[in-house]
């Protein structure tokens, strides 16, 4: 069973940067995450969980939400089975709990497209 553990959240001033990490584990010996797609979602208080970015583990191809394009970058360290989200030029509207998610099939941009989730990490951006 795939397990995802996020880290790196915190409090930052507007205009600042943070890098989130998500350590993935749980595959059987010899298996890789090559067929997986991993993504970042976020959920602000009183709002629905929304797509931020995704990456195809094997190819490294990425998709990024328009709302964060040019500010956020998704990447992965293939050898460490670790997913990253580099967030620059943060603003208070980016305040949310950020979740790492994984799936083999499904819609890239939809919460329903992922069947494995981390516990989330809080990002708070002060003005």
Foldseek 3Di string as FASTA:
>chain_A
DKAKAKDWADEAAAQAKTKMKIQIDDDDPPDFQQLKKKFKWWDDPPGDIWGAKIARLNPRDMDGDPVQPPFWDWGADRVRNMIMIIGGRDDQVPWTWMKMFMDNAADPTDPVGTDYIYPTDTHGYHD
